[in-house]
Amino acid sequence: MDINWGDLSFGYFKTDYNVRCYYRDGKWGDLEISSSEHINIHMAATGLHYGQEAFEGLKGYRGKDGKVRLFRWQENAKRMRESAKGIMMAEVPDELFEKALMKVIKLNAKYIPPYGTGSTLYFRPLLFGSGPQVGVKPADEYMFIIFVTPVGPYFKEGFKPVAIEVVRDYDRAAPLGTGHIKVGGNYAASLRPGDRAHKNGFGSVLFLDALEKKYIDEAGPANFFGIKDNKYITPQSKSILPSITNMSLEQIAKDIGLKIERRPVAFEELETFEEAGACGTAAIISPIGKIVDHESGKTINYGKEAGPISTKLYETLRGIQEGTVEDTHGWTTVIEGI
């Protein structure tokens, strides 16, 4: 196997095996191993017709010490259960989620990128309604699958400031809809404005709240945060996905002496921040260099280099994930035998 680990993009790369499990007759079956990249589902499956689908994303890191670590997988399992509740799917128990993770990483251990390459092994747990329905109602059967793929940085710039375009003519999620759970519909709604932003030369988009267009919502596929007056400030809203990375950064910010504010963040407040960033599993932190709002003609600049606090947060979290910084909160799970 000859992989140029340093040149990987954040995309799909074929690995050897995935793991699968079916929910039928009110219970989960045995975990199955497959080498196929394809799944055979009923043409009337609710996952295809009524959006009964949820997914997660987490990473495995090869540390400087050679050990492989998973970061807060329990929170991914918890969030997937919340997504399942939100759209009435069978919930995946922690025990099954963990067993599937451990099985799939060991089967594909040769695809874990070496330490120092900037690449990681990305896990994609997927849950969807596989049982057929024609009426609008939940399925009786569900499929749970996890596949893995080695990935490079989410943004090609890496840990460098990106330009963000404000979106006012599209909504990512309704105020009382599915924005707070990780389901495909939220991402489908973001595709067109995201594609437009990329064509306009921007790294990502910044959505405003769908109700009033006054407050910050999501930063494309990630949570938004701002730094000012020794405070870590991140939006609070029922339509924002609870980010495990954001939650972790809040704790690290608290550890280094910052005050934490999770509250509605008005658009006008953006120009008062000393630093700003987007955070999530894929990028950890993507510093924001500037935010452009075409409607008002306003451009907010944060600088061409990442700010000192964002840099400290990024280096600390990445260090915990890779084992070079002490894991005082017990966030990582070391995978033995690989």
Foldseek 3Di string as FASTA:
>chain_A
DDDLQLPFAADFDQFQWKKKWKQAPNGIDDIDIDRDPDDDFDPQFCCVPPQQKFKFKWWWAQFPVRFIKTFQVVVRLVLQQVSCVQQVHDRDDPVNSVVRVLVQCVRGVVQADHPPSQKTKMKMWMKGGRAGDDDPDGHNMMMIMIHIGIGHANFPVAQWAWEEEEDDPFDLAAQPGCLQGGTPSSLVSQVVVQVVCVVVVTRWYWYAHPPPSWFTAAGRVFWKWFDDPLEIEGEDGSNHYPAPLVVVLCVVSVVVPGHYHYYTHTPVCVLVGLWMWTAHNRRSTHTHQWYAYVVVRDIRGNHRGHDPSVVVSSVQVVCCSNVNHDPPPPRMDTNPDD
